[in-house]
Amino acid sequence: MKKIFAMLMLIMLVCCGCGKKLDEVSTTTDLDNIMKRDVLLVGVKTDTYPFGYYDQKGSFSGYDAALARIIARGLLGSDKKVKFVPVTASDRMMKLYSGDVDMIVATMSITPKRQEILDFSTPYYTAGQAVLVRKGSSVKSLRDLNGKKAIIVFGSTSERSLRSAVPNVGIRGYKTYPEAYKALKTGRADAIVSDDTILLGLALKDDSVELLPKRYSKEPYAVAFRKGKESKELIRAVNNIIEIETHNGNLRKIQETYGIK
């Protein structure tokens, strides 16, 4: 995780340095580029049901994908003017700064560390850290993982909170949620620690696992952007869309559609 942040900080500094040299001849913003292209490029996950996944037809689906379509409609007049780019927890920031996407809508929570290299919209959902175990497990709380093994997904906020709460836990990291889930099922560790909404998606499909009831944090999900003045107009536009869709009840309806409470 530290290596990822160091690399992104370097990329951000290079981009900012280049931007200063171009200020005299160009004032193009991220929103200008989107409007000119007439397509919104959005990074979404495909392994985090019910937020981001492929449906039976192979199409991008989930709450995050639905929100991305709403943003495209608000910016470009049509929810079809969006191109989805698959991302994972470990590569989503790199894809943002490489220019593969205009924004990330991928269960990304706001943290002080991330705010050093990213700008965020207002939150569109609040999750919480939770624990998923095999049914019948002796682990009944986060503290019970002391001296045991827990699984995290690289790029998520779980590792930091887990090490802080349970210093003697053994941590096994995986790149994707399917890999992490397989490791739990095959007994390579005693639990997965992650956002409750993501773990709920796993538990809903398999009655051999159990999502423990307690939540250990609040994780506000927000749309993530490249840090800098070029993103400011785009952030304001997205915030306006989120505010409108929250007040008119559309976001709540979408949450209900995907079983998110």
Protein backbone atom coordinates (compact mmCIF):
# COMPACT_ATOMS: atom_id res chain seq x y z
CA MET A 1 0.00 0.00 0.00
CA LYS A 2 2.83 2.42 0.86
CA LYS A 3 4.49 1.70 -2.50
CA ILE A 4 1.26 2.50 -4.33
CA PHE A 5 0.90 5.84 -2.56
CA ALA A 6 4.54 6.75 -3.16
CA MET A 7 4.19 6.01 -6.88
CA LEU A 8 0.97 8.01 -7.13
CA MET A 9 2.52 10.94 -5.31
CA LEU A 10 5.35 10.95 -7.85
CA ILE A 11 2.91 10.79 -10.77
CA MET A 12 0.84 13.60 -9.26
CA LEU A 13 3.89 15.83 -8.80
CA VAL A 14 4.99 15.24 -12.39
CA CYS A 15 1.51 16.02 -13.68
CA CYS A 16 1.29 19.16 -11.57
CA GLY A 17 4.69 20.29 -12.78
CA CYS A 18 3.66 19.80 -16.39
CA GLY A 19 0.41 21.60 -15.75
CA LYS A 20 2.17 24.74 -14.58
CA LYS A 21 4.13 24.96 -17.81
CA LEU A 22 0.96 24.61 -19.86
CA ASP A 23 -1.12 27.16 -17.96
CA GLU A 24 -0.13 29.95 -20.31
CA VAL A 25 -1.47 28.19 -23.41
CA SER A 26 -4.23 25.94 -22.07
CA THR A 27 -6.97 26.14 -19.46
CA THR A 28 -8.70 22.90 -20.42
CA THR A 29 -10.43 21.19 -17.52
CA ASP A 30 -11.44 17.57 -17.02
CA LEU A 31 -15.06 18.57 -17.60
CA ASP A 32 -14.09 20.27 -20.89
CA ASN A 33 -12.41 17.06 -22.06
CA ILE A 34 -15.47 14.96 -21.18
CA MET A 35 -17.83 17.33 -22.97
CA LYS A 36 -15.60 17.35 -26.06
CA ARG A 37 -15.28 13.55 -26.09
CA ASP A 38 -19.03 13.18 -25.36
CA VAL A 39 -18.34 10.01 -23.39
CA LEU A 40 -17.69 9.61 -19.67
CA LEU A 41 -14.94 7.13 -18.71
CA VAL A 42 -15.65 5.58 -15.31
CA GLY A 43 -13.65 3.07 -13.29
CA VAL A 44 -15.92 0.52 -11.61
CA LYS A 45 -15.32 -2.78 -9.89
CA THR A 46 -16.60 -6.11 -11.18
CA ASP A 47 -16.02 -8.20 -8.04
CA THR A 48 -18.05 -6.35 -5.40
CA TYR A 49 -21.68 -7.40 -5.63
CA PRO A 50 -24.05 -5.54 -5.22
CA PHE A 51 -22.00 -2.39 -5.96
CA GLY A 52 -20.04 -3.40 -9.04
CA TYR A 53 -20.32 -6.69 -10.94
CA TYR A 54 -21.21 -8.30 -14.27
CA ASP A 55 -24.85 -9.37 -14.59
CA GLN A 56 -26.02 -12.53 -16.38
CA LYS A 57 -25.79 -10.75 -19.75
CA GLY A 58 -22.20 -9.71 -19.10
CA SER A 59 -23.14 -6.05 -18.61
CA PHE A 60 -21.81 -3.81 -15.86
CA SER A 61 -24.30 -3.71 -13.01
CA GLY A 62 -24.64 -2.66 -9.36
CA TYR A 63 -25.18 0.51 -7.37
CA ASP A 64 -21.89 2.11 -8.46
CA ALA A 65 -22.57 1.38 -12.13
CA ALA A 66 -26.08 2.81 -11.78
CA LEU A 67 -24.70 5.97 -10.18
CA ALA A 68 -22.16 6.32 -12.99
CA ARG A 69 -24.97 6.16 -15.56
CA ILE A 70 -26.85 8.87 -13.65
CA ILE A 71 -23.75 11.06 -13.67
CA ALA A 72 -23.35 10.52 -17.42
CA ARG A 73 -26.97 11.54 -17.95
CA GLY A 74 -26.48 14.66 -15.84
CA LEU A 75 -23.29 15.69 -17.63
CA LEU A 76 -23.97 14.56 -21.20
CA GLY A 77 -27.73 14.15 -21.42
CA SER A 78 -27.78 10.35 -21.75
CA ASP A 79 -27.02 7.47 -19.41
CA LYS A 80 -25.70 5.58 -22.44
CA LYS A 81 -22.78 7.98 -22.85
CA VAL A 82 -20.62 6.15 -20.34
CA LYS A 83 -17.78 3.71 -20.91
CA PHE A 84 -16.94 1.46 -17.99
CA VAL A 85 -13.36 0.46 -17.26
CA PRO A 86 -12.89 -2.46 -14.84
CA VAL A 87 -10.76 -1.58 -11.80
CA THR A 88 -9.73 -3.32 -8.60
CA ALA A 89 -9.01 -1.94 -5.14
CA SER A 90 -5.28 -2.15 -5.88
CA ASP A 91 -5.18 -0.55 -9.36
CA ARG A 92 -8.02 1.99 -9.41
CA MET A 93 -5.91 5.01 -8.45
CA MET A 94 -3.26 4.14 -11.03
CA LYS A 95 -5.91 3.92 -13.76
CA LEU A 96 -7.25 7.32 -12.72
CA TYR A 97 -3.84 9.03 -12.93
CA SER A 98 -2.89 7.23 -16.13
CA GLY A 99 -5.90 8.84 -17.79
CA ASP A 100 -7.74 5.56 -18.42
CA VAL A 101 -10.74 6.98 -16.56
CA ASP A 102 -12.20 10.39 -15.71
CA MET A 103 -13.36 9.29 -12.28
CA ILE A 104 -13.64 6.29 -9.99
CA VAL A 105 -17.00 5.04 -8.72
CA ALA A 106 -15.86 1.89 -6.98
CA THR A 107 -16.73 1.57 -3.27
CA MET A 108 -13.97 4.07 -2.53
CA SER A 109 -14.09 5.53 0.96
CA ILE A 110 -12.71 8.94 1.90
CA THR A 111 -9.64 8.78 4.14
CA PRO A 112 -7.09 11.47 5.10
CA LYS A 113 -4.33 9.50 3.35
CA ARG A 114 -6.27 9.27 0.10
CA GLN A 115 -7.13 12.97 0.27
CA GLU A 116 -3.42 13.71 -0.11
CA ILE A 117 -3.52 12.46 -3.71
CA LEU A 118 -7.21 12.45 -4.66
CA ASP A 119 -10.18 14.79 -4.64
CA PHE A 120 -13.60 13.45 -3.70
CA SER A 121 -17.25 14.22 -4.28
CA THR A 122 -19.71 14.44 -1.44
CA PRO A 123 -20.42 10.93 -0.10
CA TYR A 124 -23.14 8.91 -1.81
CA TYR A 125 -23.21 6.02 0.69
CA THR A 126 -21.81 5.13 4.12
CA ALA A 127 -20.55 1.61 4.76
CA GLY A 128 -18.79 0.11 7.79
CA GLN A 129 -15.95 -2.34 8.39
CA ALA A 130 -17.21 -5.83 9.25
CA VAL A 131 -16.07 -9.44 9.58
CA LEU A 132 -17.09 -12.40 7.41
CA VAL A 133 -16.42 -15.92 8.74
CA ARG A 134 -17.29 -19.51 7.90
CA LYS A 135 -20.51 -20.57 9.61
CA GLY A 136 -19.78 -22.22 12.95
CA SER A 137 -16.53 -20.31 13.40
CA SER A 138 -15.29 -19.53 16.92
CA VAL A 139 -14.63 -15.96 15.75
CA LYS A 140 -17.50 -13.82 16.99
CA SER A 141 -15.85 -10.41 16.94
CA LEU A 142 -12.82 -8.55 15.60
CA ARG A 143 -10.98 -9.15 18.88
CA ASP A 144 -11.35 -12.89 18.46
CA LEU A 145 -8.93 -12.67 15.52
CA ASN A 146 -6.03 -12.13 17.94
CA GLY A 147 -3.49 -14.84 17.14
CA LYS A 148 -5.49 -15.97 14.10
CA LYS A 149 -5.32 -15.15 10.36
CA ALA A 150 -7.46 -12.57 8.62
CA ILE A 151 -7.83 -11.71 4.95
CA ILE A 152 -7.79 -8.23 3.44
CA VAL A 153 -7.93 -7.02 -0.16
CA PHE A 154 -4.98 -4.85 -1.24
CA GLY A 155 -5.90 -1.19 -1.71
CA SER A 156 -8.77 -1.26 0.79
CA THR A 157 -8.80 0.46 4.19
CA SER A 158 -9.08 -2.83 6.09
CA GLU A 159 -5.42 -3.51 6.85
CA ARG A 160 -4.79 -0.30 8.79
CA SER A 161 -7.91 -0.64 10.97
CA LEU A 162 -7.27 -4.35 11.50
CA ARG A 163 -3.67 -3.89 12.66
CA SER A 164 -4.76 -1.09 14.98
CA ALA A 165 -7.55 -3.12 16.61
CA VAL A 166 -5.83 -6.53 16.64
CA PRO A 167 -2.02 -6.13 16.69
CA ASN A 168 -1.31 -9.88 16.84
CA VAL A 169 -3.43 -10.88 13.87
CA GLY A 170 -1.79 -12.55 10.89
CA ILE A 171 -2.79 -10.82 7.66
CA ARG A 172 -3.12 -12.43 4.24
CA GLY A 173 -3.64 -10.03 1.34
CA TYR A 174 -5.25 -10.68 -2.04
CA LYS A 175 -5.76 -8.53 -5.14
CA THR A 176 -9.46 -9.25 -5.67
CA TYR A 177 -12.50 -10.22 -3.63
CA PRO A 178 -13.06 -13.53 -5.44
CA GLU A 179 -9.49 -14.53 -4.51
CA ALA A 180 -10.04 -13.44 -0.92
CA TYR A 181 -13.34 -15.30 -0.70
CA LYS A 182 -11.82 -18.49 -2.10
CA ALA A 183 -9.06 -18.27 0.52
CA LEU A 184 -11.64 -18.04 3.31
CA LYS A 185 -13.65 -20.95 1.96
CA THR A 186 -10.58 -23.18 1.65
CA GLY A 187 -9.47 -22.44 5.22
CA ARG A 188 -6.37 -20.36 4.47
CA ALA A 189 -7.56 -17.85 7.08
CA ASP A 190 -10.26 -17.42 9.70
CA ALA A 191 -12.07 -14.33 8.40
CA ILE A 192 -12.26 -11.57 5.81
CA VAL A 193 -12.30 -7.99 7.09
CA SER A 194 -13.75 -5.45 4.68
CA ASP A 195 -16.70 -3.11 4.09
CA ASP A 196 -19.99 -4.61 5.22
CA THR A 197 -21.71 -3.92 1.90
CA ILE A 198 -19.13 -5.94 -0.02
CA LEU A 199 -19.16 -8.80 2.47
CA LEU A 200 -22.97 -8.81 2.48
CA GLY A 201 -22.89 -9.42 -1.26
CA LEU A 202 -20.80 -12.55 -0.63
CA ALA A 203 -22.95 -13.76 2.26
CA LEU A 204 -26.21 -13.37 0.32
CA LYS A 205 -25.01 -15.92 -2.23
CA ASP A 206 -23.64 -18.54 0.18
CA ASP A 207 -25.22 -19.78 3.42
CA SER A 208 -21.97 -21.49 4.48
CA VAL A 209 -20.56 -18.12 5.55
CA GLU A 210 -21.78 -15.60 8.10
CA LEU A 211 -21.48 -11.81 8.32
CA LEU A 212 -20.96 -10.85 11.96
CA PRO A 213 -23.36 -8.12 13.15
CA LYS A 214 -20.99 -5.53 14.59
CA ARG A 215 -19.56 -2.65 12.51
CA TYR A 216 -16.17 -1.21 13.44
CA SER A 217 -16.00 2.02 11.44
CA LYS A 218 -17.84 4.38 9.13
CA GLU A 219 -16.66 4.33 5.51
CA PRO A 220 -18.15 7.16 3.41
CA TYR A 221 -18.11 6.14 -0.26
CA ALA A 222 -17.49 8.96 -2.73
CA VAL A 223 -16.58 9.50 -6.37
CA ALA A 224 -12.80 9.98 -6.69
CA PHE A 225 -11.02 12.41 -9.06
CA ARG A 226 -7.48 13.41 -9.91
CA LYS A 227 -6.29 16.05 -7.46
CA GLY A 228 -5.90 19.52 -8.93
CA LYS A 229 -7.70 22.57 -10.26
CA GLU A 230 -8.50 20.79 -13.55
CA SER A 231 -11.00 18.62 -11.66
CA LYS A 232 -12.82 21.37 -9.74
CA GLU A 233 -15.59 22.06 -12.27
CA LEU A 234 -16.21 18.35 -12.72
CA ILE A 235 -16.45 17.80 -8.96
CA ARG A 236 -18.94 20.64 -8.60
CA ALA A 237 -21.07 19.19 -11.40
CA VAL A 238 -21.00 15.68 -9.89
CA ASN A 239 -21.80 17.01 -6.41
CA ASN A 240 -24.81 18.81 -7.87
CA ILE A 241 -26.01 15.58 -9.52
CA ILE A 242 -25.57 13.58 -6.30
CA GLU A 243 -27.46 16.24 -4.32
CA ILE A 244 -30.37 16.29 -6.78
CA GLU A 245 -30.61 12.49 -6.99
CA THR A 246 -30.45 12.19 -3.19
CA HIS A 247 -33.21 14.73 -2.60
CA ASN A 248 -35.52 13.28 -5.25
CA GLY A 249 -35.13 9.81 -3.75
CA ASN A 250 -33.55 8.16 -6.79
CA LEU A 251 -30.41 7.02 -4.97
CA ARG A 252 -32.50 5.43 -2.23
CA LYS A 253 -34.59 3.59 -4.85
CA ILE A 254 -31.41 2.26 -6.49
CA GLN A 255 -30.12 1.06 -3.12
CA GLU A 256 -33.38 -0.79 -2.54
CA THR A 257 -33.16 -2.34 -6.01
CA TYR A 258 -29.80 -3.90 -5.12
CA GLY A 259 -30.76 -4.83 -1.56
CA ILE A 260 -28.54 -2.19 0.03
CA LYS A 261 -29.75 -0.59 3.25
